[in-house]
Amino acid sequence: MPAITSANVANAIVKLVAADALPALMGTLVMGNLVNRDFEPTLAQGGDTVNVPIPPTLVANNLAEGNAVQLQNPSLGNAQIVLNTHAEATFQVPDVTKVLAVPDLLRLYMQPAMVALAERIETDLLNTYASFSSNGSVGTPGSPITEAAVDAAETALFQAKVPACEPRYLVVDANTYAQLRQIERFSEFQTAGEAGLRALIDGTVGKIKDFFVFRSQFVAKTGSAPVTTHNLAFTRSALGLVLRRLPQPLPGTGAIAEYAELGNFGMRVILSYQPNTLAQQFTVDVLYGVGVLRNQFGVQVNS
């Protein structure tokens, strides 16, 4: 059995923090769990560009008897996502050994850090609303959302040839979510059945017009009197969230790092000592970029 040393304890603490951090972050994300994250977590630096291939469009030709096939030369589309955000949350723990003895203390420190990172990622993803220009926006700015606006958003995605097997999402703010719950056709048992009962009693909208409905506190708002709320209707392939591993600290610098990765989502946890405060410092950071992948697969739903 290896001897217990300060180095072993330090590494164990970082691994414990990393293992506990990521599930807390994933549970806080809304948009981050709905967009495309199918990208390798390789090492990168801030400012790097990730090229995401977009499938080409092909046409079906009628092959007459005796004729040759018609060769097509499709070219892959390309969406570029720049890794331009290095988000971090740093905190200090005066007596770090208590973290190992009382795991609940770790969660007490980690939860605010995870929430801070999740809020930053959510805000950046929802601020892409202005990039969805292929489809015209629906809904009336500064007015309650209507069934007609939701219907128009779904129709726009259908006309954009969104595959029927691809789920559609509608992310709205708290007020818009409340307005959806009060549309009688969706919130009454006699018109919506069990779904209406859930909206009325449980407060859960669930699914409307083929959209899975979610609410977020970070939906973008612009203007004043009236304020325009930029809700988003989209599919998973409309938006991309690219994360890359940050390098390990240089050896001998007194910092220990560990990676935490889950479902193509990863971050770095660094433990270092701060002599000025005689405390252990934890930094949780992530390098990422967001961008629109398929413009026609997203619609602004204003309210």
C-alpha atoms as a PDB file:
ATOM      1  CA  MET A   1       0.000   0.000   0.000  1.00  0.00           C
ATOM      2  CA  PRO A   2       1.537   3.371  -1.014  1.00  0.00           C
ATOM      3  CA  ALA A   3       2.347   5.810   1.753  1.00  0.00           C
ATOM      4  CA  ILE A   4       0.028   8.743   2.314  1.00  0.00           C
ATOM      5  CA  THR A   5       1.855  11.912   1.351  1.00  0.00           C
ATOM      6  CA  SER A   6       0.859  15.527   0.833  1.00  0.00           C
ATOM      7  CA  ALA A   7       1.190  15.018  -2.914  1.00  0.00           C
ATOM      8  CA  ASN A   8      -1.196  12.039  -2.826  1.00  0.00           C
ATOM      9  CA  VAL A   9      -3.696  13.981  -0.754  1.00  0.00           C
ATOM     10  CA  ALA A  10      -3.524  16.969  -3.097  1.00  0.00           C
ATOM     11  CA  ASN A  11      -4.120  14.806  -6.155  1.00  0.00           C
ATOM     12  CA  ALA A  12      -6.992  13.031  -4.405  1.00  0.00           C
ATOM     13  CA  ILE A  13      -8.642  16.353  -3.564  1.00  0.00           C
ATOM     14  CA  VAL A  14      -8.442  17.593  -7.160  1.00  0.00           C
ATOM     15  CA  LYS A  15      -9.885  14.329  -8.485  1.00  0.00           C
ATOM     16  CA  LEU A  16     -12.692  14.495  -5.938  1.00  0.00           C
ATOM     17  CA  VAL A  17     -13.525  18.075  -6.950  1.00  0.00           C
ATOM     18  CA  ALA A  18     -13.421  17.202 -10.659  1.00  0.00           C
ATOM     19  CA  ALA A  19     -15.662  14.165 -10.233  1.00  0.00           C
ATOM     20  CA  ASP A  20     -18.235  16.148  -8.272  1.00  0.00           C
ATOM     21  CA  ALA A  21     -18.144  19.304 -10.397  1.00  0.00           C
ATOM     22  CA  LEU A  22     -19.342  18.180 -13.812  1.00  0.00           C
ATOM     23  CA  PRO A  23     -22.667  16.517 -12.864  1.00  0.00           C
ATOM     24  CA  ALA A  24     -23.576  19.692 -10.976  1.00  0.00           C
ATOM     25  CA  LEU A  25     -22.835  21.790 -14.057  1.00  0.00           C
ATOM     26  CA  MET A  26     -24.725  19.505 -16.444  1.00  0.00           C
ATOM     27  CA  GLY A  27     -27.770  19.639 -14.187  1.00  0.00           C
ATOM     28  CA  THR A  28     -27.790  23.451 -14.356  1.00  0.00           C
ATOM     29  CA  LEU A  29     -27.494  23.784 -18.139  1.00  0.00           C
ATOM     30  CA  VAL A  30     -30.551  24.165 -20.372  1.00  0.00           C
ATOM     31  CA  MET A  31     -29.267  25.305 -23.767  1.00  0.00           C
ATOM     32  CA  GLY A  32     -25.960  23.528 -23.262  1.00  0.00           C
ATOM     33  CA  ASN A  33     -27.801  20.203 -23.116  1.00  0.00           C
ATOM     34  CA  LEU A  34     -29.878  20.880 -26.247  1.00  0.00           C
ATOM     35  CA  VAL A  35     -27.294  22.023 -28.814  1.00  0.00           C
ATOM     36  CA  ASN A  36     -24.725  20.052 -30.777  1.00  0.00           C
ATOM     37  CA  ARG A  37     -21.654  19.184 -28.697  1.00  0.00           C
ATOM     38  CA  ASP A  38     -20.283  16.352 -30.848  1.00  0.00           C
ATOM     39  CA  PHE A  39     -16.721  17.604 -30.963  1.00  0.00           C
ATOM     40  CA  GLU A  40     -13.532  16.008 -29.743  1.00  0.00           C
ATOM     41  CA  PRO A  41     -12.208  17.398 -26.403  1.00  0.00           C
ATOM     42  CA  THR A  42      -8.679  17.937 -27.731  1.00  0.00           C
ATOM     43  CA  LEU A  43      -6.144  20.442 -26.443  1.00  0.00           C
ATOM     44  CA  ALA A  44      -6.480  23.976 -27.773  1.00  0.00           C
ATOM     45  CA  GLN A  45      -5.721  27.600 -27.030  1.00  0.00           C
ATOM     46  CA  GLY A  46      -7.951  30.639 -26.864  1.00  0.00           C
ATOM     47  CA  GLY A  47      -8.608  32.133 -30.292  1.00  0.00           C
ATOM     48  CA  ASP A  48      -8.386  28.817 -32.179  1.00  0.00           C
ATOM     49  CA  THR A  49     -11.008  28.204 -34.862  1.00  0.00           C
ATOM     50  CA  VAL A  50     -12.932  24.947 -35.171  1.00  0.00           C
ATOM     51  CA  ASN A  51     -14.293  24.094 -38.619  1.00  0.00           C
ATOM     52  CA  VAL A  52     -17.568  22.173 -38.463  1.00  0.00           C
ATOM     53  CA  PRO A  53     -18.597  20.450 -41.730  1.00  0.00           C
ATOM     54  CA  ILE A  54     -22.181  20.940 -42.928  1.00  0.00           C
ATOM     55  CA  PRO A  55     -23.790  18.129 -45.000  1.00  0.00           C
ATOM     56  CA  PRO A  56     -24.203  18.965 -48.708  1.00  0.00           C
ATOM     57  CA  THR A  57     -27.485  18.940 -50.644  1.00  0.00           C
ATOM     58  CA  LEU A  58     -28.023  16.248 -53.276  1.00  0.00           C
ATOM     59  CA  VAL A  59     -30.862  15.773 -55.762  1.00  0.00           C
ATOM     60  CA  ALA A  60     -32.540  12.574 -56.923  1.00  0.00           C
ATOM     61  CA  ASN A  61     -32.376  12.012 -60.671  1.00  0.00           C
ATOM     62  CA  ASN A  62     -34.572   9.750 -62.736  1.00  0.00           C
ATOM     63  CA  LEU A  63     -32.408   6.990 -64.185  1.00  0.00           C
ATOM     64  CA  ALA A  64     -33.897   6.067 -67.549  1.00  0.00           C
ATOM     65  CA  GLU A  65     -33.201   2.611 -68.897  1.00  0.00           C
ATOM     66  CA  GLY A  66     -29.885   2.485 -70.664  1.00  0.00           C
ATOM     67  CA  ASN A  67     -28.740   5.895 -69.449  1.00  0.00           C
ATOM     68  CA  ALA A  68     -25.805   6.621 -67.182  1.00  0.00           C
ATOM     69  CA  VAL A  69     -26.060   8.048 -63.677  1.00  0.00           C
ATOM     70  CA  GLN A  70     -25.689  11.801 -63.323  1.00  0.00           C
ATOM     71  CA  LEU A  71     -22.572  12.530 -61.323  1.00  0.00           C
ATOM     72  CA  GLN A  72     -22.950  15.218 -58.675  1.00  0.00           C
ATOM     73  CA  ASN A  73     -20.071  17.120 -57.128  1.00  0.00           C
ATOM     74  CA  PRO A  74     -21.409  18.324 -53.812  1.00  0.00           C
ATOM     75  CA  SER A  75     -19.238  20.441 -51.587  1.00  0.00           C
ATOM     76  CA  LEU A  76     -19.374  20.328 -47.828  1.00  0.00           C
ATOM     77  CA  GLY A  77     -20.567  23.452 -46.117  1.00  0.00           C
ATOM     78  CA  ASN A  78     -18.479  24.871 -43.318  1.00  0.00           C
ATOM     79  CA  ALA A  79     -19.345  26.621 -40.084  1.00  0.00           C
ATOM     80  CA  GLN A  80     -16.548  28.210 -38.097  1.00  0.00           C
ATOM     81  CA  ILE A  81     -16.693  28.454 -34.328  1.00  0.00           C
ATOM     82  CA  VAL A  82     -14.002  30.500 -32.607  1.00  0.00           C
ATOM     83  CA  LEU A  83     -12.861  29.456 -29.136  1.00  0.00           C
ATOM     84  CA  ASN A  84     -13.093  32.998 -27.831  1.00  0.00           C
ATOM     85  CA  THR A  85     -14.326  32.479 -24.266  1.00  0.00           C
ATOM     86  CA  HIS A  86     -12.159  31.287 -21.393  1.00  0.00           C
ATOM     87  CA  ALA A  87     -14.578  31.221 -18.477  1.00  0.00           C
ATOM     88  CA  GLU A  88     -13.374  30.599 -14.940  1.00  0.00           C
ATOM     89  CA  ALA A  89     -14.702  30.534 -11.402  1.00  0.00           C
ATOM     90  CA  THR A  90     -12.175  30.688  -8.563  1.00  0.00           C
ATOM     91  CA  PHE A  91     -12.630  30.262  -4.834  1.00  0.00           C
ATOM     92  CA  GLN A  92     -10.472  29.561  -1.772  1.00  0.00           C
ATOM     93  CA  VAL A  93     -10.834  26.960   0.953  1.00  0.00           C
ATOM     94  CA  PRO A  94      -9.026  27.787   4.225  1.00  0.00           C
ATOM     95  CA  ASP A  95      -8.943  24.207   5.557  1.00  0.00           C
ATOM     96  CA  VAL A  96      -8.910  21.953   2.514  1.00  0.00           C
ATOM     97  CA  THR A  97      -8.552  18.730   4.518  1.00  0.00           C
ATOM     98  CA  LYS A  98     -12.156  19.123   5.668  1.00  0.00           C
ATOM     99  CA  VAL A  99     -13.213  18.641   2.062  1.00  0.00           C
ATOM    100  CA  LEU A 100     -12.134  15.015   2.211  1.00  0.00           C
ATOM    101  CA  ALA A 101     -13.723  14.413   5.616  1.00  0.00           C
ATOM    102  CA  VAL A 102     -17.017  16.182   4.876  1.00  0.00           C
ATOM    103  CA  PRO A 103     -18.002  15.880   1.171  1.00  0.00           C
ATOM    104  CA  ASP A 104     -21.012  18.174   1.680  1.00  0.00           C
ATOM    105  CA  LEU A 105     -18.585  21.046   2.257  1.00  0.00           C
ATOM    106  CA  LEU A 106     -17.200  20.452  -1.219  1.00  0.00           C
ATOM    107  CA  ARG A 107     -20.654  20.791  -2.737  1.00  0.00           C
ATOM    108  CA  LEU A 108     -21.193  23.966  -0.738  1.00  0.00           C
ATOM    109  CA  TYR A 109     -18.131  25.518  -2.348  1.00  0.00           C
ATOM    110  CA  MET A 110     -18.547  23.980  -5.801  1.00  0.00           C
ATOM    111  CA  GLN A 111     -22.184  24.768  -6.508  1.00  0.00           C
ATOM    112  CA  PRO A 112     -21.777  28.558  -6.903  1.00  0.00           C
ATOM    113  CA  ALA A 113     -18.776  28.019  -9.192  1.00  0.00           C
ATOM    114  CA  MET A 114     -20.713  25.586 -11.397  1.00  0.00           C
ATOM    115  CA  VAL A 115     -23.747  27.871 -11.534  1.00  0.00           C
ATOM    116  CA  ALA A 116     -21.533  30.781 -12.608  1.00  0.00           C
ATOM    117  CA  LEU A 117     -20.038  28.799 -15.494  1.00  0.00           C
ATOM    118  CA  ALA A 118     -23.422  27.448 -16.567  1.00  0.00           C
ATOM    119  CA  GLU A 119     -24.948  30.937 -16.577  1.00  0.00           C
ATOM    120  CA  ARG A 120     -22.143  32.253 -18.772  1.00  0.00           C
ATOM    121  CA  ILE A 121     -22.554  29.430 -21.305  1.00  0.00           C
ATOM    122  CA  GLU A 122     -26.363  29.760 -21.327  1.00  0.00           C
ATOM    123  CA  THR A 123     -26.147  33.500 -21.929  1.00  0.00           C
ATOM    124  CA  ASP A 124     -23.718  33.135 -24.823  1.00  0.00           C
ATOM    125  CA  LEU A 125     -25.845  30.453 -26.508  1.00  0.00           C
ATOM    126  CA  LEU A 126     -29.060  32.451 -26.178  1.00  0.00           C
ATOM    127  CA  ASN A 127     -27.370  35.609 -27.475  1.00  0.00           C
ATOM    128  CA  THR A 128     -26.984  33.924 -30.881  1.00  0.00           C
ATOM    129  CA  TYR A 129     -30.617  34.823 -31.654  1.00  0.00           C
ATOM    130  CA  ALA A 130     -29.590  37.630 -34.027  1.00  0.00           C
ATOM    131  CA  SER A 131     -27.620  35.160 -36.176  1.00  0.00           C
ATOM    132  CA  PHE A 132     -30.774  33.277 -37.193  1.00  0.00           C
ATOM    133  CA  SER A 133     -31.594  35.337 -40.259  1.00  0.00           C
ATOM    134  CA  SER A 134     -32.614  32.629 -42.737  1.00  0.00           C
ATOM    135  CA  ASN A 135     -36.161  32.488 -41.357  1.00  0.00           C
ATOM    136  CA  GLY A 136     -38.075  35.620 -40.523  1.00  0.00           C
ATOM    137  CA  SER A 137     -38.836  36.193 -36.851  1.00  0.00           C
ATOM    138  CA  VAL A 138     -42.336  35.388 -35.613  1.00  0.00           C
ATOM    139  CA  GLY A 139     -44.374  36.853 -32.779  1.00  0.00           C
ATOM    140  CA  THR A 140     -44.923  40.473 -31.798  1.00  0.00           C
ATOM    141  CA  PRO A 141     -42.210  42.236 -29.759  1.00  0.00           C
ATOM    142  CA  GLY A 142     -43.465  43.374 -26.369  1.00  0.00           C
ATOM    143  CA  SER A 143     -46.710  41.357 -26.639  1.00  0.00           C
ATOM    144  CA  PRO A 144     -47.742  38.033 -25.068  1.00  0.00           C
ATOM    145  CA  ILE A 145     -46.870  34.971 -27.117  1.00  0.00           C
ATOM    146  CA  THR A 146     -49.748  33.405 -29.041  1.00  0.00           C
ATOM    147  CA  GLU A 147     -50.574  29.990 -30.398  1.00  0.00           C
ATOM    148  CA  ALA A 148     -50.268  31.448 -33.892  1.00  0.00           C
ATOM    149  CA  ALA A 149     -46.641  32.494 -33.241  1.00  0.00           C
ATOM    150  CA  VAL A 150     -45.676  29.009 -32.048  1.00  0.00           C
ATOM    151  CA  ASP A 151     -47.458  27.522 -35.050  1.00  0.00           C
ATOM    152  CA  ALA A 152     -45.602  29.859 -37.408  1.00  0.00           C
ATOM    153  CA  ALA A 153     -42.242  28.874 -35.902  1.00  0.00           C
ATOM    154  CA  GLU A 154     -42.955  25.179 -36.379  1.00  0.00           C
ATOM    155  CA  THR A 155     -44.123  25.803 -39.945  1.00  0.00           C
ATOM    156  CA  ALA A 156     -40.908  27.713 -40.709  1.00  0.00           C
ATOM    157  CA  LEU A 157     -38.773  24.793 -39.521  1.00  0.00           C
ATOM    158  CA  PHE A 158     -40.863  22.349 -41.544  1.00  0.00           C
ATOM    159  CA  GLN A 159     -40.452  24.461 -44.680  1.00  0.00           C
ATOM    160  CA  ALA A 160     -36.696  24.559 -43.974  1.00  0.00           C
ATOM    161  CA  LYS A 161     -36.780  20.744 -44.334  1.00  0.00           C
ATOM    162  CA  VAL A 162     -35.835  19.936 -40.777  1.00  0.00           C
ATOM    163  CA  PRO A 163     -35.825  16.110 -40.618  1.00  0.00           C
ATOM    164  CA  ALA A 164     -38.960  14.762 -38.977  1.00  0.00           C
ATOM    165  CA  CYS A 165     -36.837  12.622 -36.643  1.00  0.00           C
ATOM    166  CA  GLU A 166     -34.962  15.647 -35.262  1.00  0.00           C
ATOM    167  CA  PRO A 167     -36.506  17.058 -32.055  1.00  0.00           C
ATOM    168  CA  ARG A 168     -37.582  20.702 -32.057  1.00  0.00           C
ATOM    169  CA  TYR A 169     -36.988  22.898 -29.007  1.00  0.00           C
ATOM    170  CA  LEU A 170     -38.524  26.159 -27.857  1.00  0.00           C
ATOM    171  CA  VAL A 171     -36.600  28.010 -25.131  1.00  0.00           C
ATOM    172  CA  VAL A 172     -38.446  30.964 -23.605  1.00  0.00           C
ATOM    173  CA  ASP A 173     -38.142  33.280 -20.628  1.00  0.00           C
ATOM    174  CA  ALA A 174     -40.224  33.006 -17.462  1.00  0.00           C
ATOM    175  CA  ASN A 175     -42.963  35.430 -18.565  1.00  0.00           C
ATOM    176  CA  THR A 176     -43.392  33.770 -21.955  1.00  0.00           C
ATOM    177  CA  TYR A 177     -43.544  30.359 -20.298  1.00  0.00           C
ATOM    178  CA  ALA A 178     -46.315  31.657 -18.019  1.00  0.00           C
ATOM    179  CA  GLN A 179     -48.187  33.003 -21.044  1.00  0.00           C
ATOM    180  CA  LEU A 180     -47.992  29.604 -22.745  1.00  0.00           C
ATOM    181  CA  ARG A 181     -49.490  27.980 -19.645  1.00  0.00           C
ATOM    182  CA  GLN A 182     -52.462  30.327 -19.885  1.00  0.00           C
ATOM    183  CA  ILE A 183     -53.408  29.592 -23.492  1.00  0.00           C
ATOM    184  CA  GLU A 184     -56.703  27.810 -22.879  1.00  0.00           C
ATOM    185  CA  ARG A 185     -56.329  25.194 -25.623  1.00  0.00           C
ATOM    186  CA  PHE A 186     -53.091  24.016 -23.990  1.00  0.00           C
ATOM    187  CA  SER A 187     -54.011  24.325 -20.313  1.00  0.00           C
ATOM    188  CA  GLU A 188     -57.484  22.798 -20.089  1.00  0.00           C
ATOM    189  CA  PHE A 189     -58.254  19.101 -19.729  1.00  0.00           C
ATOM    190  CA  GLN A 190     -61.191  19.236 -22.141  1.00  0.00           C
ATOM    191  CA  THR A 191     -58.996  20.581 -24.961  1.00  0.00           C
ATOM    192  CA  ALA A 192     -55.514  19.167 -24.240  1.00  0.00           C
ATOM    193  CA  GLY A 193     -56.241  16.084 -22.129  1.00  0.00           C
ATOM    194  CA  GLU A 194     -53.532  14.965 -19.704  1.00  0.00           C
ATOM    195  CA  ALA A 195     -51.082  17.531 -21.093  1.00  0.00           C
ATOM    196  CA  GLY A 196     -53.471  20.324 -20.194  1.00  0.00           C
ATOM    197  CA  LEU A 197     -53.907  18.885 -16.714  1.00  0.00           C
ATOM    198  CA  ARG A 198     -50.143  18.859 -16.177  1.00  0.00           C
ATOM    199  CA  ALA A 199     -49.878  22.466 -17.347  1.00  0.00           C
ATOM    200  CA  LEU A 200     -52.671  23.488 -15.002  1.00  0.00           C
ATOM    201  CA  ILE A 201     -51.648  21.541 -11.890  1.00  0.00           C
ATOM    202  CA  ASP A 202     -47.927  20.797 -12.231  1.00  0.00           C
ATOM    203  CA  GLY A 203     -47.095  24.011 -14.106  1.00  0.00           C
ATOM    204  CA  THR A 204     -45.249  22.051 -16.797  1.00  0.00           C
ATOM    205  CA  VAL A 205     -45.861  22.983 -20.416  1.00  0.00           C
ATOM    206  CA  GLY A 206     -44.132  19.918 -21.841  1.00  0.00           C
ATOM    207  CA  LYS A 207     -44.714  19.905 -25.587  1.00  0.00           C
ATOM    208  CA  ILE A 208     -46.587  22.333 -27.837  1.00  0.00           C
ATOM    209  CA  LYS A 209     -46.927  22.172 -31.625  1.00  0.00           C
ATOM    210  CA  ASP A 210     -44.142  19.553 -31.769  1.00  0.00           C
ATOM    211  CA  PHE A 211     -41.815  21.748 -29.660  1.00  0.00           C
ATOM    212  CA  PHE A 212     -40.312  20.560 -26.399  1.00  0.00           C
ATOM    213  CA  VAL A 213     -40.653  23.715 -24.298  1.00  0.00           C
ATOM    214  CA  PHE A 214     -37.997  24.845 -21.810  1.00  0.00           C
ATOM    215  CA  ARG A 215     -37.598  28.054 -19.862  1.00  0.00           C
ATOM    216  CA  SER A 216     -34.415  29.896 -19.084  1.00  0.00           C
ATOM    217  CA  GLN A 217     -33.611  32.964 -17.013  1.00  0.00           C
ATOM    218  CA  PHE A 218     -31.058  34.069 -19.608  1.00  0.00           C
ATOM    219  CA  VAL A 219     -33.169  34.568 -22.719  1.00  0.00           C
ATOM    220  CA  ALA A 220     -31.945  37.768 -24.380  1.00  0.00           C
ATOM    221  CA  LYS A 221     -33.991  40.958 -23.996  1.00  0.00           C
ATOM    222  CA  THR A 222     -33.500  44.233 -25.850  1.00  0.00           C
ATOM    223  CA  GLY A 223     -35.090  47.674 -25.901  1.00  0.00           C
ATOM    224  CA  SER A 224     -37.264  49.365 -23.343  1.00  0.00           C
ATOM    225  CA  ALA A 225     -40.976  50.116 -23.134  1.00  0.00           C
ATOM    226  CA  PRO A 226     -41.731  47.710 -24.674  1.00  0.00           C
ATOM    227  CA  VAL A 227     -38.979  45.163 -24.065  1.00  0.00           C
ATOM    228  CA  THR A 228     -38.443  42.597 -26.822  1.00  0.00           C
ATOM    229  CA  THR A 229     -37.850  39.057 -25.583  1.00  0.00           C
ATOM    230  CA  HIS A 230     -35.890  36.966 -28.081  1.00  0.00           C
ATOM    231  CA  ASN A 231     -37.087  33.408 -27.472  1.00  0.00           C
ATOM    232  CA  LEU A 232     -35.563  30.703 -29.659  1.00  0.00           C
ATOM    233  CA  ALA A 233     -37.093  27.831 -31.622  1.00  0.00           C
ATOM    234  CA  PHE A 234     -34.430  25.514 -33.020  1.00  0.00           C
ATOM    235  CA  THR A 235     -33.135  22.008 -33.503  1.00  0.00           C
ATOM    236  CA  ARG A 236     -29.990  20.440 -32.125  1.00  0.00           C
ATOM    237  CA  SER A 237     -28.055  20.883 -35.361  1.00  0.00           C
ATOM    238  CA  ALA A 238     -28.819  24.625 -35.503  1.00  0.00           C
ATOM    239  CA  LEU A 239     -26.315  25.587 -32.800  1.00  0.00           C
ATOM    240  CA  GLY A 240     -22.899  24.310 -31.806  1.00  0.00           C
ATOM    241  CA  LEU A 241     -21.071  24.458 -28.498  1.00  0.00           C
ATOM    242  CA  VAL A 242     -17.398  23.563 -28.905  1.00  0.00           C
ATOM    243  CA  LEU A 243     -15.245  22.904 -25.852  1.00  0.00           C
ATOM    244  CA  ARG A 244     -11.553  22.200 -25.821  1.00  0.00           C
ATOM    245  CA  ARG A 245      -9.146  21.005 -23.170  1.00  0.00           C
ATOM    246  CA  LEU A 246      -6.834  23.566 -21.673  1.00  0.00           C
ATOM    247  CA  PRO A 247      -3.214  22.452 -21.114  1.00  0.00           C
ATOM    248  CA  GLN A 248      -1.857  21.258 -17.786  1.00  0.00           C
ATOM    249  CA  PRO A 249       0.088  23.779 -15.658  1.00  0.00           C
ATOM    250  CA  LEU A 250       3.846  23.685 -16.041  1.00  0.00           C
ATOM    251  CA  PRO A 251       5.524  21.109 -13.746  1.00  0.00           C
ATOM    252  CA  GLY A 252       7.047  22.552 -10.599  1.00  0.00           C
ATOM    253  CA  THR A 253       4.779  25.605 -10.487  1.00  0.00           C
ATOM    254  CA  GLY A 254       2.894  24.349  -7.450  1.00  0.00           C
ATOM    255  CA  ALA A 255      -0.408  23.801  -9.257  1.00  0.00           C
ATOM    256  CA  ILE A 256      -2.206  20.477  -9.760  1.00  0.00           C
ATOM    257  CA  ALA A 257      -4.846  20.050 -12.463  1.00  0.00           C
ATOM    258  CA  GLU A 258      -7.406  17.392 -13.293  1.00  0.00           C
ATOM    259  CA  TYR A 259      -9.880  17.126 -16.183  1.00  0.00           C
ATOM    260  CA  ALA A 260     -13.570  16.404 -15.733  1.00  0.00           C
ATOM    261  CA  GLU A 261     -15.410  15.248 -18.843  1.00  0.00           C
ATOM    262  CA  LEU A 262     -18.933  14.000 -19.446  1.00  0.00           C
ATOM    263  CA  GLY A 263     -20.867  13.792 -22.697  1.00  0.00           C
ATOM    264  CA  ASN A 264     -18.434  15.933 -24.753  1.00  0.00           C
ATOM    265  CA  PHE A 265     -18.462  18.536 -22.026  1.00  0.00           C
ATOM    266  CA  GLY A 266     -15.232  19.077 -20.163  1.00  0.00           C
ATOM    267  CA  MET A 267     -13.473  21.441 -17.831  1.00  0.00           C
ATOM    268  CA  ARG A 268     -10.221  21.806 -15.939  1.00  0.00           C
ATOM    269  CA  VAL A 269      -9.925  21.945 -12.147  1.00  0.00           C
ATOM    270  CA  ILE A 270      -6.744  23.508 -10.749  1.00  0.00           C
ATOM    271  CA  LEU A 271      -5.586  23.399  -7.130  1.00  0.00           C
ATOM    272  CA  SER A 272      -2.896  25.838  -6.012  1.00  0.00           C
ATOM    273  CA  TYR A 273      -1.669  27.399  -2.767  1.00  0.00           C
ATOM    274  CA  GLN A 274      -2.019  31.099  -2.043  1.00  0.00           C
ATOM    275  CA  PRO A 275       0.629  32.182   0.525  1.00  0.00           C
ATOM    276  CA  ASN A 276      -0.915  35.626   0.992  1.00  0.00           C
ATOM    277  CA  THR A 277      -4.111  34.132   2.426  1.00  0.00           C
ATOM    278  CA  LEU A 278      -2.699  30.794   3.636  1.00  0.00           C
ATOM    279  CA  ALA A 279      -5.486  29.027   1.781  1.00  0.00           C
ATOM    280  CA  GLN A 280      -5.900  26.521  -1.030  1.00  0.00           C
ATOM    281  CA  GLN A 281      -7.266  28.031  -4.229  1.00  0.00           C
ATOM    282  CA  PHE A 282      -9.517  26.151  -6.637  1.00  0.00           C
ATOM    283  CA  THR A 283     -10.050  27.361 -10.195  1.00  0.00           C
ATOM    284  CA  VAL A 284     -12.614  25.695 -12.436  1.00  0.00           C
ATOM    285  CA  ASP A 285     -12.270  26.857 -16.029  1.00  0.00           C
ATOM    286  CA  VAL A 286     -13.413  25.967 -19.519  1.00  0.00           C
ATOM    287  CA  LEU A 287     -12.447  27.128 -23.005  1.00  0.00           C
ATOM    288  CA  TYR A 288     -15.362  27.234 -25.423  1.00  0.00           C
ATOM    289  CA  GLY A 289     -17.019  28.893 -28.383  1.00  0.00           C
ATOM    290  CA  VAL A 290     -20.597  28.983 -29.635  1.00  0.00           C
ATOM    291  CA  GLY A 291     -21.958  29.535 -33.113  1.00  0.00           C
ATOM    292  CA  VAL A 292     -24.747  28.884 -35.582  1.00  0.00           C
ATOM    293  CA  LEU A 293     -24.243  25.719 -37.624  1.00  0.00           C
ATOM    294  CA  ARG A 294     -27.407  25.623 -39.767  1.00  0.00           C
ATOM    295  CA  ASN A 295     -29.054  29.015 -40.003  1.00  0.00           C
ATOM    296  CA  GLN A 296     -32.291  27.722 -41.511  1.00  0.00           C
ATOM    297  CA  PHE A 297     -32.892  25.413 -38.525  1.00  0.00           C
ATOM    298  CA  GLY A 298     -33.563  28.240 -36.062  1.00  0.00           C
ATOM    299  CA  VAL A 299     -36.295  30.878 -35.657  1.00  0.00           C
ATOM    300  CA  GLN A 300     -36.627  33.911 -33.379  1.00  0.00           C
ATOM    301  CA  VAL A 301     -39.921  33.840 -31.498  1.00  0.00           C
ATOM    302  CA  ASN A 302     -40.393  37.349 -30.166  1.00  0.00           C
ATOM    303  CA  SER A 303     -42.662  38.310 -27.293  1.00  0.00           C
END
